[in-house]
N, C-alpha and C. Protein backbone atom coordinates (compact mmCIF):
# COMPACT_ATOMS: atom_id res chain seq x y z
N MET A 1 9.93 -36.88 18.57
CA MET A 1 10.65 -35.68 18.98
C MET A 1 9.79 -34.40 18.75
N VAL A 2 9.87 -33.53 19.78
CA VAL A 2 9.06 -32.37 19.74
C VAL A 2 9.96 -31.09 19.64
N THR A 3 9.56 -30.19 18.75
CA THR A 3 10.20 -28.86 18.63
C THR A 3 9.20 -27.84 19.23
N LEU A 4 9.81 -26.89 20.00
CA LEU A 4 9.08 -25.68 20.36
C LEU A 4 9.62 -24.59 19.50
N ALA A 5 8.68 -23.97 18.70
CA ALA A 5 9.06 -22.88 17.85
C ALA A 5 8.32 -21.59 18.36
N ILE A 6 9.03 -20.58 18.81
CA ILE A 6 8.49 -19.38 19.29
C ILE A 6 8.65 -18.40 18.11
N GLN A 7 7.50 -17.86 17.58
CA GLN A 7 7.50 -16.94 16.49
C GLN A 7 7.64 -15.53 16.90
N ALA A 8 8.79 -14.98 16.58
CA ALA A 8 9.15 -13.55 16.95
C ALA A 8 9.57 -12.74 15.72
N GLY A 9 9.00 -13.16 14.62
CA GLY A 9 9.44 -12.50 13.34
C GLY A 9 8.39 -11.46 12.79
N GLY A 10 7.38 -11.16 13.59
CA GLY A 10 6.39 -10.16 13.18
C GLY A 10 6.93 -8.76 13.22
N GLN A 11 6.13 -7.81 12.57
CA GLN A 11 6.61 -6.45 12.43
C GLN A 11 6.23 -5.60 13.69
N SER A 12 5.32 -6.04 14.60
CA SER A 12 5.05 -5.38 15.86
C SER A 12 4.65 -3.90 15.58
N ARG A 13 3.78 -3.73 14.60
CA ARG A 13 3.41 -2.29 14.33
C ARG A 13 2.65 -1.66 15.39
N ARG A 14 1.75 -2.36 16.12
CA ARG A 14 0.92 -1.75 17.13
C ARG A 14 1.72 -1.49 18.34
N MET A 15 2.73 -2.37 18.64
CA MET A 15 3.50 -2.15 19.87
C MET A 15 4.63 -1.14 19.56
N GLY A 16 5.07 -1.01 18.34
CA GLY A 16 6.05 -0.04 17.98
C GLY A 16 7.53 -0.40 18.33
N ARG A 17 7.70 -1.73 18.76
CA ARG A 17 9.04 -2.25 19.03
C ARG A 17 8.95 -3.79 18.98
N ASP A 18 9.98 -4.44 18.92
CA ASP A 18 10.07 -5.93 18.86
C ASP A 18 9.35 -6.53 20.02
N LYS A 19 8.22 -7.16 19.81
CA LYS A 19 7.42 -7.69 20.93
C LYS A 19 8.07 -8.68 21.73
N GLY A 20 8.84 -9.56 21.11
CA GLY A 20 9.49 -10.65 21.83
C GLY A 20 10.37 -10.14 22.92
N LEU A 21 10.95 -8.92 22.74
CA LEU A 21 11.88 -8.37 23.68
C LEU A 21 11.23 -7.38 24.64
N VAL A 22 9.92 -7.09 24.44
CA VAL A 22 9.25 -6.25 25.44
C VAL A 22 9.25 -6.90 26.78
N ARG A 23 9.54 -6.09 27.87
CA ARG A 23 9.63 -6.66 29.16
C ARG A 23 8.27 -6.64 29.87
N LEU A 24 8.01 -7.89 30.46
CA LEU A 24 6.91 -8.17 31.29
C LEU A 24 7.45 -8.72 32.58
N GLY A 25 7.17 -7.93 33.67
CA GLY A 25 7.67 -8.35 34.98
C GLY A 25 9.19 -8.33 35.01
N GLY A 26 9.79 -7.50 34.10
CA GLY A 26 11.27 -7.38 34.14
C GLY A 26 11.98 -8.27 33.16
N ARG A 27 11.19 -9.18 32.51
CA ARG A 27 11.86 -10.16 31.59
C ARG A 27 11.16 -10.06 30.21
N PRO A 28 11.91 -10.30 29.18
CA PRO A 28 11.38 -10.35 27.83
C PRO A 28 10.22 -11.29 27.74
N LEU A 29 9.21 -11.02 26.93
CA LEU A 29 8.11 -11.86 26.64
C LEU A 29 8.60 -13.25 26.21
N VAL A 30 9.60 -13.27 25.36
CA VAL A 30 10.03 -14.58 24.81
C VAL A 30 10.64 -15.45 25.99
N ALA A 31 11.21 -14.83 27.04
CA ALA A 31 11.69 -15.59 28.12
C ALA A 31 10.63 -16.24 28.94
N HIS A 32 9.43 -15.55 29.02
CA HIS A 32 8.37 -16.13 29.77
C HIS A 32 7.92 -17.45 29.06
N LEU A 33 7.86 -17.46 27.78
CA LEU A 33 7.46 -18.65 27.01
C LEU A 33 8.48 -19.77 27.13
N LEU A 34 9.75 -19.40 27.07
CA LEU A 34 10.80 -20.46 27.23
C LEU A 34 10.67 -21.12 28.63
N GLU A 35 10.40 -20.28 29.66
CA GLU A 35 10.31 -20.80 30.96
C GLU A 35 9.15 -21.77 31.14
N ARG A 36 7.97 -21.41 30.52
CA ARG A 36 6.80 -22.18 30.72
C ARG A 36 6.83 -23.45 29.87
N LEU A 37 7.43 -23.40 28.63
CA LEU A 37 7.13 -24.45 27.67
C LEU A 37 8.35 -25.25 27.24
N SER A 38 9.56 -24.77 27.51
CA SER A 38 10.74 -25.46 26.86
C SER A 38 10.85 -26.92 27.47
N GLY A 39 10.26 -27.17 28.63
CA GLY A 39 10.37 -28.53 29.14
C GLY A 39 9.57 -29.59 28.38
N LEU A 40 8.65 -29.10 27.48
CA LEU A 40 7.85 -30.00 26.65
C LEU A 40 8.65 -30.47 25.45
N ALA A 41 9.74 -29.83 25.11
CA ALA A 41 10.38 -29.99 23.78
C ALA A 41 11.77 -30.55 23.91
N ASP A 42 12.23 -31.33 22.88
CA ASP A 42 13.50 -31.82 22.79
C ASP A 42 14.43 -30.83 22.04
N ASP A 43 13.73 -29.94 21.36
CA ASP A 43 14.41 -28.96 20.45
C ASP A 43 13.68 -27.66 20.53
N VAL A 44 14.42 -26.53 20.56
CA VAL A 44 13.79 -25.17 20.72
C VAL A 44 14.41 -24.30 19.61
N VAL A 45 13.48 -23.52 18.92
CA VAL A 45 13.98 -22.61 17.97
C VAL A 45 13.11 -21.33 18.10
N VAL A 46 13.73 -20.17 17.98
CA VAL A 46 13.03 -18.89 17.88
C VAL A 46 13.15 -18.34 16.54
N THR A 47 12.06 -18.09 15.83
CA THR A 47 12.16 -17.42 14.57
C THR A 47 12.16 -15.91 14.73
N THR A 48 13.13 -15.24 14.13
CA THR A 48 13.32 -13.82 14.30
C THR A 48 14.10 -13.30 13.15
N ASN A 49 13.80 -12.13 12.69
CA ASN A 49 14.61 -11.41 11.61
C ASN A 49 15.61 -10.48 12.22
N HIS A 50 15.78 -10.57 13.58
CA HIS A 50 16.85 -9.79 14.27
C HIS A 50 17.60 -10.83 15.20
N PRO A 51 18.28 -11.79 14.62
CA PRO A 51 18.89 -12.79 15.46
C PRO A 51 19.94 -12.28 16.46
N GLU A 52 20.61 -11.19 16.12
CA GLU A 52 21.62 -10.62 17.04
C GLU A 52 20.93 -10.22 18.32
N ALA A 53 19.70 -9.80 18.29
CA ALA A 53 19.04 -9.27 19.43
C ALA A 53 18.54 -10.46 20.33
N TYR A 54 18.45 -11.68 19.80
CA TYR A 54 17.95 -12.78 20.55
C TYR A 54 19.03 -13.77 20.90
N ALA A 55 20.31 -13.46 20.54
CA ALA A 55 21.36 -14.38 20.78
C ALA A 55 21.58 -14.70 22.31
N PHE A 56 21.16 -13.76 23.19
CA PHE A 56 21.33 -13.99 24.56
C PHE A 56 20.61 -15.08 25.19
N LEU A 57 19.56 -15.59 24.42
CA LEU A 57 18.74 -16.70 24.85
C LEU A 57 19.47 -18.02 24.83
N GLY A 58 20.49 -18.10 23.98
CA GLY A 58 21.25 -19.38 23.90
C GLY A 58 20.48 -20.52 23.24
N VAL A 59 19.47 -20.24 22.39
CA VAL A 59 18.71 -21.29 21.69
C VAL A 59 18.96 -21.05 20.16
N ARG A 60 18.54 -22.03 19.34
CA ARG A 60 18.66 -21.90 17.88
C ARG A 60 17.77 -20.79 17.46
N LEU A 61 18.20 -20.07 16.39
CA LEU A 61 17.43 -18.98 15.83
C LEU A 61 17.29 -19.23 14.32
N ALA A 62 16.14 -18.81 13.74
CA ALA A 62 15.90 -18.99 12.36
C ALA A 62 15.25 -17.70 11.78
N SER A 63 15.67 -17.25 10.64
CA SER A 63 15.18 -16.07 10.04
C SER A 63 14.41 -16.38 8.76
N ASP A 64 13.36 -15.57 8.43
CA ASP A 64 12.60 -15.71 7.25
C ASP A 64 13.47 -15.36 6.00
N PRO A 65 13.44 -16.15 4.95
CA PRO A 65 14.10 -15.76 3.71
C PRO A 65 13.72 -14.37 3.17
N VAL A 66 12.43 -14.05 3.34
CA VAL A 66 11.90 -12.73 2.95
C VAL A 66 11.22 -12.23 4.15
N PRO A 67 11.84 -11.29 4.87
CA PRO A 67 11.20 -10.70 6.01
C PRO A 67 9.98 -9.92 5.65
N GLY A 68 8.94 -10.00 6.59
CA GLY A 68 7.68 -9.32 6.34
C GLY A 68 6.80 -10.02 5.42
N ALA A 69 7.03 -11.25 5.06
CA ALA A 69 6.14 -11.98 4.13
C ALA A 69 4.85 -12.56 4.76
N GLY A 70 4.69 -12.41 6.07
CA GLY A 70 3.44 -12.78 6.72
C GLY A 70 3.55 -14.00 7.50
N ALA A 71 2.43 -14.34 8.23
CA ALA A 71 2.45 -15.40 9.19
C ALA A 71 2.66 -16.81 8.63
N LEU A 72 2.11 -17.03 7.39
CA LEU A 72 2.28 -18.32 6.77
C LEU A 72 3.73 -18.57 6.44
N ALA A 73 4.46 -17.51 5.94
CA ALA A 73 5.81 -17.68 5.66
C ALA A 73 6.62 -17.92 6.92
N GLY A 74 6.19 -17.27 7.93
CA GLY A 74 6.88 -17.52 9.24
C GLY A 74 6.69 -18.94 9.70
N LEU A 75 5.53 -19.51 9.52
CA LEU A 75 5.30 -20.90 9.89
C LEU A 75 6.18 -21.82 9.07
N ALA A 76 6.31 -21.57 7.73
CA ALA A 76 7.21 -22.33 6.91
C ALA A 76 8.63 -22.27 7.48
N THR A 77 9.07 -21.05 7.90
CA THR A 77 10.45 -21.00 8.50
C THR A 77 10.58 -21.87 9.69
N ALA A 78 9.59 -21.85 10.56
CA ALA A 78 9.56 -22.68 11.80
C ALA A 78 9.62 -24.16 11.46
N LEU A 79 8.79 -24.58 10.53
CA LEU A 79 8.73 -26.02 10.18
C LEU A 79 10.00 -26.43 9.47
N GLU A 80 10.60 -25.60 8.70
CA GLU A 80 11.82 -25.96 8.03
C GLU A 80 12.96 -26.10 8.97
N ALA A 81 12.96 -25.31 10.05
CA ALA A 81 14.01 -25.26 11.08
C ALA A 81 13.85 -26.41 12.08
N ALA A 82 12.62 -26.96 12.24
CA ALA A 82 12.28 -27.84 13.35
C ALA A 82 13.02 -29.14 13.14
N ALA A 83 13.55 -29.69 14.23
CA ALA A 83 14.17 -31.04 14.24
C ALA A 83 13.18 -32.06 14.58
N GLY A 84 12.03 -31.69 15.21
CA GLY A 84 11.09 -32.66 15.68
C GLY A 84 10.03 -33.08 14.68
N ASP A 85 9.37 -34.14 14.91
CA ASP A 85 8.25 -34.60 13.99
C ASP A 85 7.02 -33.74 14.25
N ARG A 86 6.90 -33.24 15.50
CA ARG A 86 5.83 -32.35 15.89
C ARG A 86 6.39 -31.03 16.37
N THR A 87 5.75 -29.95 15.89
CA THR A 87 6.25 -28.61 16.38
C THR A 87 5.15 -27.79 17.00
N LEU A 88 5.42 -27.47 18.28
CA LEU A 88 4.52 -26.63 19.02
C LEU A 88 4.87 -25.23 18.60
N VAL A 89 4.01 -24.50 17.91
CA VAL A 89 4.24 -23.13 17.44
C VAL A 89 3.48 -22.21 18.36
N VAL A 90 4.22 -21.22 18.91
CA VAL A 90 3.56 -20.24 19.76
C VAL A 90 4.07 -18.82 19.40
N ALA A 91 3.13 -17.84 19.32
CA ALA A 91 3.58 -16.49 19.04
C ALA A 91 4.24 -15.97 20.33
N CYS A 92 5.25 -15.12 20.03
CA CYS A 92 6.02 -14.56 21.16
C CYS A 92 5.26 -13.63 22.17
N ASP A 93 4.05 -13.19 21.64
CA ASP A 93 3.30 -12.19 22.48
C ASP A 93 2.18 -12.87 23.24
N MET A 94 2.35 -14.23 23.56
CA MET A 94 1.32 -14.96 24.32
C MET A 94 1.97 -15.49 25.55
N PRO A 95 2.32 -14.68 26.55
CA PRO A 95 3.16 -15.10 27.67
C PRO A 95 2.48 -15.92 28.73
N PHE A 96 1.11 -16.16 28.63
CA PHE A 96 0.47 -16.89 29.61
C PHE A 96 -0.02 -18.23 29.20
N VAL A 97 0.61 -18.76 28.20
CA VAL A 97 0.16 -20.13 27.70
C VAL A 97 0.28 -21.09 28.90
N ARG A 98 -0.76 -21.92 29.05
CA ARG A 98 -0.79 -22.90 30.10
C ARG A 98 -0.22 -24.14 29.64
N LEU A 99 0.69 -24.79 30.50
CA LEU A 99 1.38 -25.97 30.15
C LEU A 99 0.41 -27.12 29.90
N PRO A 100 -0.71 -27.33 30.73
CA PRO A 100 -1.63 -28.43 30.41
C PRO A 100 -2.24 -28.35 28.99
N LEU A 101 -2.56 -27.12 28.59
CA LEU A 101 -3.16 -26.97 27.27
C LEU A 101 -2.14 -27.30 26.20
N ALA A 102 -0.90 -26.83 26.32
CA ALA A 102 0.10 -27.15 25.33
C ALA A 102 0.37 -28.66 25.30
N SER A 103 0.41 -29.26 26.35
CA SER A 103 0.63 -30.74 26.51
C SER A 103 -0.49 -31.50 25.81
N HIS A 104 -1.68 -31.07 25.98
CA HIS A 104 -2.88 -31.67 25.35
C HIS A 104 -2.82 -31.51 23.86
N LEU A 105 -2.48 -30.37 23.40
CA LEU A 105 -2.36 -30.26 21.91
C LEU A 105 -1.28 -31.17 21.34
N LEU A 106 -0.20 -31.33 22.10
CA LEU A 106 0.83 -32.22 21.55
C LEU A 106 0.41 -33.63 21.57
N ALA A 107 -0.31 -34.09 22.58
CA ALA A 107 -0.77 -35.44 22.64
C ALA A 107 -1.82 -35.76 21.47
N LEU A 108 -2.62 -34.78 21.16
CA LEU A 108 -3.55 -35.06 20.05
C LEU A 108 -2.90 -35.09 18.73
N ALA A 109 -1.69 -34.47 18.59
CA ALA A 109 -0.96 -34.49 17.36
C ALA A 109 -0.42 -35.85 16.94
N ALA A 110 -0.45 -36.81 17.79
CA ALA A 110 0.05 -38.17 17.52
C ALA A 110 -0.81 -38.72 16.36
N ASP A 111 -2.12 -38.35 16.27
CA ASP A 111 -3.00 -38.89 15.26
C ASP A 111 -3.43 -37.85 14.22
N HIS A 112 -2.80 -36.72 14.20
CA HIS A 112 -3.23 -35.66 13.22
C HIS A 112 -2.04 -34.93 12.77
N ASP A 113 -2.26 -34.29 11.57
CA ASP A 113 -1.12 -33.43 10.97
C ASP A 113 -1.06 -32.05 11.70
N ALA A 114 -2.21 -31.53 12.05
CA ALA A 114 -2.31 -30.22 12.69
C ALA A 114 -3.36 -30.18 13.80
N VAL A 115 -3.05 -29.62 14.86
CA VAL A 115 -3.98 -29.54 16.00
C VAL A 115 -4.08 -28.07 16.40
N VAL A 116 -5.17 -27.44 16.12
CA VAL A 116 -5.40 -26.05 16.22
C VAL A 116 -6.53 -25.61 17.01
N PRO A 117 -6.38 -24.86 18.12
CA PRO A 117 -7.54 -24.41 18.87
C PRO A 117 -8.43 -23.49 18.00
N ARG A 118 -9.70 -23.53 18.36
CA ARG A 118 -10.70 -22.75 17.62
C ARG A 118 -11.69 -22.13 18.72
N LEU A 119 -11.49 -20.83 18.85
CA LEU A 119 -12.27 -20.07 19.85
C LEU A 119 -13.44 -19.37 19.12
N ALA A 120 -14.67 -19.63 19.62
CA ALA A 120 -15.82 -18.97 19.04
C ALA A 120 -15.76 -18.98 17.50
N GLY A 121 -15.33 -20.04 16.93
CA GLY A 121 -15.34 -20.36 15.54
C GLY A 121 -14.22 -19.84 14.75
N GLU A 122 -13.24 -19.21 15.51
CA GLU A 122 -12.01 -18.65 14.88
C GLU A 122 -10.81 -19.41 15.30
N PHE A 123 -10.06 -19.88 14.30
CA PHE A 123 -8.83 -20.59 14.58
C PHE A 123 -7.74 -19.68 15.26
N GLU A 124 -6.91 -20.34 16.09
CA GLU A 124 -5.85 -19.65 16.77
C GLU A 124 -4.54 -20.42 16.29
N PRO A 125 -4.10 -20.10 15.05
CA PRO A 125 -3.04 -20.86 14.49
C PRO A 125 -1.69 -20.65 15.00
N LEU A 126 -1.53 -19.64 15.88
CA LEU A 126 -0.20 -19.37 16.48
C LEU A 126 -0.13 -19.79 17.94
N LEU A 127 -0.90 -20.73 18.30
CA LEU A 127 -0.81 -21.55 19.50
C LEU A 127 -1.30 -22.97 19.05
N ALA A 128 -0.52 -23.67 18.39
CA ALA A 128 -0.96 -24.89 17.72
C ALA A 128 0.19 -25.84 17.48
N VAL A 129 -0.12 -27.01 17.08
CA VAL A 129 0.91 -28.10 16.80
C VAL A 129 0.80 -28.49 15.39
N TYR A 130 1.88 -28.53 14.72
CA TYR A 130 1.95 -28.92 13.25
C TYR A 130 2.97 -30.08 13.09
N GLY A 131 2.57 -31.06 12.39
CA GLY A 131 3.49 -32.17 12.06
C GLY A 131 4.29 -31.86 10.87
N ARG A 132 5.35 -32.69 10.67
CA ARG A 132 6.22 -32.53 9.45
C ARG A 132 5.48 -32.58 8.24
N ALA A 133 4.32 -33.29 8.13
CA ALA A 133 3.53 -33.55 6.96
C ALA A 133 2.93 -32.23 6.51
N CYS A 134 2.83 -31.14 7.36
CA CYS A 134 2.21 -29.95 6.95
C CYS A 134 3.16 -29.10 6.09
N LEU A 135 4.43 -29.26 6.16
CA LEU A 135 5.28 -28.39 5.36
C LEU A 135 5.06 -28.31 3.90
N PRO A 136 4.87 -29.40 3.19
CA PRO A 136 4.64 -29.41 1.77
C PRO A 136 3.25 -28.62 1.49
N ALA A 137 2.28 -28.73 2.32
CA ALA A 137 0.98 -28.00 2.15
C ALA A 137 1.24 -26.52 2.38
N VAL A 138 2.04 -26.20 3.36
CA VAL A 138 2.35 -24.77 3.60
C VAL A 138 3.10 -24.14 2.40
N GLN A 139 4.10 -24.87 1.95
CA GLN A 139 4.84 -24.38 0.84
C GLN A 139 3.97 -24.25 -0.44
N ALA A 140 3.03 -25.17 -0.65
CA ALA A 140 2.16 -25.02 -1.74
C ALA A 140 1.27 -23.83 -1.71
N SER A 141 0.76 -23.56 -0.51
CA SER A 141 -0.05 -22.37 -0.29
C SER A 141 0.77 -21.08 -0.49
N LEU A 142 1.96 -21.07 -0.08
CA LEU A 142 2.76 -19.88 -0.34
C LEU A 142 3.08 -19.72 -1.83
N ALA A 143 3.33 -20.81 -2.54
CA ALA A 143 3.56 -20.77 -3.97
C ALA A 143 2.30 -20.24 -4.73
N ALA A 144 1.14 -20.49 -4.10
CA ALA A 144 -0.18 -19.98 -4.71
C ALA A 144 -0.42 -18.57 -4.34
N GLY A 145 0.42 -17.92 -3.55
CA GLY A 145 0.27 -16.51 -3.18
C GLY A 145 -0.53 -16.30 -1.94
N GLN A 146 -0.78 -17.38 -1.16
CA GLN A 146 -1.50 -17.28 0.16
C GLN A 146 -0.60 -16.72 1.21
N ARG A 147 -1.21 -15.99 2.21
CA ARG A 147 -0.40 -15.47 3.28
C ARG A 147 -1.08 -15.86 4.63
N ARG A 148 -2.29 -16.29 4.64
CA ARG A 148 -3.03 -16.67 5.88
C ARG A 148 -2.63 -18.10 6.25
N VAL A 149 -2.37 -18.32 7.52
CA VAL A 149 -2.01 -19.66 8.01
C VAL A 149 -3.08 -20.73 7.69
N ILE A 150 -4.31 -20.26 7.86
CA ILE A 150 -5.42 -21.29 7.68
C ILE A 150 -5.55 -21.74 6.23
N SER A 151 -4.85 -21.17 5.29
CA SER A 151 -5.08 -21.52 3.89
C SER A 151 -4.73 -22.95 3.59
N PHE A 152 -3.94 -23.62 4.31
CA PHE A 152 -3.55 -24.96 3.96
C PHE A 152 -4.31 -26.03 4.81
N PHE A 153 -5.12 -25.59 5.65
CA PHE A 153 -5.81 -26.48 6.60
C PHE A 153 -6.59 -27.60 5.90
N SER A 154 -7.22 -27.25 4.77
CA SER A 154 -8.05 -28.25 4.07
C SER A 154 -7.16 -29.34 3.40
N LYS A 155 -5.88 -29.18 3.37
CA LYS A 155 -4.97 -30.17 2.73
C LYS A 155 -4.28 -31.08 3.67
N VAL A 156 -4.58 -30.97 4.93
CA VAL A 156 -3.93 -31.91 5.96
C VAL A 156 -5.07 -32.46 6.92
N ARG A 157 -4.59 -33.44 7.69
CA ARG A 157 -5.45 -34.03 8.66
C ARG A 157 -5.48 -33.04 9.89
N LEU A 158 -6.60 -32.25 9.91
CA LEU A 158 -6.75 -31.18 10.91
C LEU A 158 -7.59 -31.65 12.03
N ARG A 159 -7.14 -31.28 13.34
CA ARG A 159 -7.92 -31.56 14.45
C ARG A 159 -8.20 -30.24 15.13
N PRO A 160 -9.46 -29.64 15.00
CA PRO A 160 -9.80 -28.44 15.71
C PRO A 160 -9.99 -28.84 17.17
N VAL A 161 -9.63 -27.89 18.06
CA VAL A 161 -9.86 -28.05 19.46
C VAL A 161 -10.89 -26.95 19.86
N GLU A 162 -12.09 -27.33 20.13
CA GLU A 162 -13.11 -26.35 20.32
C GLU A 162 -13.22 -25.80 21.73
N ASP A 163 -14.10 -24.73 21.87
CA ASP A 163 -14.23 -24.05 23.16
C ASP A 163 -14.37 -24.90 24.38
N ASP A 164 -15.29 -25.92 24.36
CA ASP A 164 -15.60 -26.70 25.54
C ASP A 164 -14.30 -27.48 25.97
N GLU A 165 -13.63 -28.00 25.04
CA GLU A 165 -12.42 -28.74 25.32
C GLU A 165 -11.30 -27.84 25.81
N LEU A 166 -11.26 -26.68 25.25
CA LEU A 166 -10.21 -25.69 25.68
C LEU A 166 -10.44 -25.28 27.13
N ARG A 167 -11.75 -25.04 27.50
CA ARG A 167 -12.01 -24.53 28.84
C ARG A 167 -11.71 -25.52 29.92
N LEU A 168 -11.69 -26.82 29.55
CA LEU A 168 -11.27 -27.75 30.53
C LEU A 168 -9.80 -27.65 31.05
N LEU A 169 -9.02 -27.17 30.10
CA LEU A 169 -7.57 -26.97 30.39
C LEU A 169 -7.17 -25.54 30.66
N ASP A 170 -7.95 -24.62 30.26
CA ASP A 170 -7.66 -23.22 30.50
C ASP A 170 -8.93 -22.50 30.68
N PRO A 171 -9.55 -22.53 31.88
CA PRO A 171 -10.90 -22.03 32.07
C PRO A 171 -11.08 -20.57 31.80
N ASP A 172 -10.01 -19.73 32.03
CA ASP A 172 -10.24 -18.31 31.88
C ASP A 172 -9.61 -17.83 30.46
N GLY A 173 -9.03 -18.76 29.68
CA GLY A 173 -8.62 -18.43 28.40
C GLY A 173 -7.33 -17.61 28.34
N ARG A 174 -6.65 -17.55 29.40
CA ARG A 174 -5.53 -16.59 29.40
C ARG A 174 -4.39 -17.10 28.49
N SER A 175 -4.33 -18.31 28.07
CA SER A 175 -3.41 -18.82 27.09
C SER A 175 -3.35 -17.96 25.90
N PHE A 176 -4.57 -17.47 25.52
CA PHE A 176 -4.73 -16.81 24.18
C PHE A 176 -4.71 -15.24 24.34
N PHE A 177 -4.23 -14.78 25.51
CA PHE A 177 -4.06 -13.33 25.65
C PHE A 177 -2.84 -12.92 24.91
N ASN A 178 -2.97 -11.92 24.01
CA ASN A 178 -1.95 -11.42 23.19
C ASN A 178 -1.52 -9.98 23.72
N VAL A 179 -0.17 -9.77 23.82
CA VAL A 179 0.36 -8.46 24.11
C VAL A 179 0.65 -7.73 22.79
N ASN A 180 -0.29 -7.10 22.29
CA ASN A 180 -0.11 -6.38 20.95
C ASN A 180 0.15 -4.94 21.12
N THR A 181 -0.29 -4.28 22.20
CA THR A 181 -0.19 -2.85 22.33
C THR A 181 0.38 -2.45 23.69
N PRO A 182 0.78 -1.22 23.94
CA PRO A 182 1.17 -0.81 25.24
C PRO A 182 0.07 -1.04 26.29
N GLU A 183 -1.19 -0.87 25.88
CA GLU A 183 -2.31 -1.05 26.85
C GLU A 183 -2.37 -2.59 27.27
N ASP A 184 -2.18 -3.49 26.25
CA ASP A 184 -2.15 -4.81 26.59
C ASP A 184 -1.06 -5.18 27.52
N LEU A 185 0.12 -4.52 27.38
CA LEU A 185 1.25 -4.76 28.28
C LEU A 185 0.87 -4.39 29.69
N LEU A 186 0.22 -3.33 29.91
CA LEU A 186 -0.25 -2.93 31.20
C LEU A 186 -1.16 -3.97 31.84
N GLU A 187 -2.07 -4.51 31.00
CA GLU A 187 -3.00 -5.48 31.51
C GLU A 187 -2.22 -6.85 31.78
N ALA A 188 -1.22 -7.14 30.97
CA ALA A 188 -0.41 -8.33 31.20
C ALA A 188 0.37 -8.15 32.55
N GLU A 189 0.85 -6.95 32.86
CA GLU A 189 1.51 -6.81 34.14
C GLU A 189 0.51 -7.03 35.33
N ARG A 190 -0.71 -6.59 35.16
CA ARG A 190 -1.73 -6.85 36.19
C ARG A 190 -1.98 -8.38 36.36
N MET A 191 -2.07 -9.06 35.18
CA MET A 191 -2.33 -10.52 35.18
C MET A 191 -1.17 -11.23 35.89
N LEU A 192 0.05 -10.82 35.47
CA LEU A 192 1.21 -11.48 36.04
C LEU A 192 1.31 -11.30 37.60
N ALA A 193 0.94 -10.07 38.00
CA ALA A 193 0.97 -9.79 39.48
C ALA A 193 0.06 -10.68 40.30
N HIS A 194 -1.02 -11.16 39.63
CA HIS A 194 -1.99 -11.98 40.32
C HIS A 194 -1.91 -13.43 40.00
N GLU A 195 -0.93 -13.79 39.23
CA GLU A 195 -0.81 -15.21 38.80
C GLU A 195 -0.09 -15.98 39.95
N THR A 196 -0.77 -16.97 40.49
CA THR A 196 -0.23 -17.73 41.59
C THR A 196 0.94 -18.61 41.05
N GLY A 197 2.02 -18.58 41.85
CA GLY A 197 3.13 -19.42 41.51
C GLY A 197 4.00 -18.92 40.40
N ALA A 198 3.88 -17.63 40.05
CA ALA A 198 4.77 -17.08 38.94
C ALA A 198 6.19 -17.16 39.41
N SER A 199 7.05 -17.53 38.51
CA SER A 199 8.50 -17.58 38.84
C SER A 199 9.11 -16.25 39.05
N THR A 200 9.98 -16.17 40.07
CA THR A 200 10.71 -14.90 40.24
C THR A 200 12.20 -15.09 39.98
N SER A 201 12.55 -16.21 39.45
CA SER A 201 13.95 -16.46 39.11
C SER A 201 14.48 -15.56 38.03
N PRO A 202 15.71 -15.10 38.01
CA PRO A 202 16.22 -14.21 37.11
C PRO A 202 16.36 -14.85 35.74
N GLU A 203 16.20 -14.10 34.67
CA GLU A 203 16.32 -14.56 33.37
C GLU A 203 17.48 -13.86 32.64
N PRO A 204 18.06 -14.38 31.61
CA PRO A 204 19.12 -13.66 30.89
C PRO A 204 18.60 -12.47 30.23
N HIS A 205 19.42 -11.37 30.28
CA HIS A 205 19.00 -10.13 29.67
C HIS A 205 19.74 -9.90 28.41
N PRO A 206 19.13 -9.22 27.46
CA PRO A 206 19.84 -8.88 26.21
C PRO A 206 21.06 -8.00 26.52
N PRO A 207 22.13 -8.15 25.72
CA PRO A 207 23.35 -7.35 25.90
C PRO A 207 22.99 -5.85 25.96
N GLY A 208 23.49 -5.12 26.88
CA GLY A 208 23.31 -3.71 26.95
C GLY A 208 22.08 -3.26 27.56
N ASP A 209 21.24 -4.29 28.10
CA ASP A 209 19.93 -3.95 28.67
C ASP A 209 20.09 -3.55 30.12
């Protein structure tokens, strides 16, 4: 069983507003990810510390016990909420994740506890797959005062996915494009306008939007 966990619990300081609800092509960023990836999963959860704002999605929501505790704590929330043995974790500000790449990461997870892309030597832990076996290691890192997601990697069976392998599935690397700032959002609008086959079907809107 596979869970899709979209991480929307960050503080969005550079954007100045909740990134998951920022509109790209007229739809919230989180809706783009649900459209692209929910077909891969038997179970979907969005982690957010503002569940009332995400209720319109009609999916399960999970909040951090201590809001603002960092990305590692957010991962713990996702894994604790996940019903699946494998959890595809994706940040809400990555609206161009390619389905073939996500499918490949999930396939690799059959033989590993964590499957994490590594671009130019740097891990991308918020577009990755984590097995249920990762949760105790995540919790141990949190108990030791760690906040970085990579802090537990040495404690699990890790499968890095390197540049050459990633390029086969996502040649232009757009899966890893983050919408962090208003300038990034303008670039994302340009990218979406040129994306072949982008869906134009309507998505649910937040109440009062």
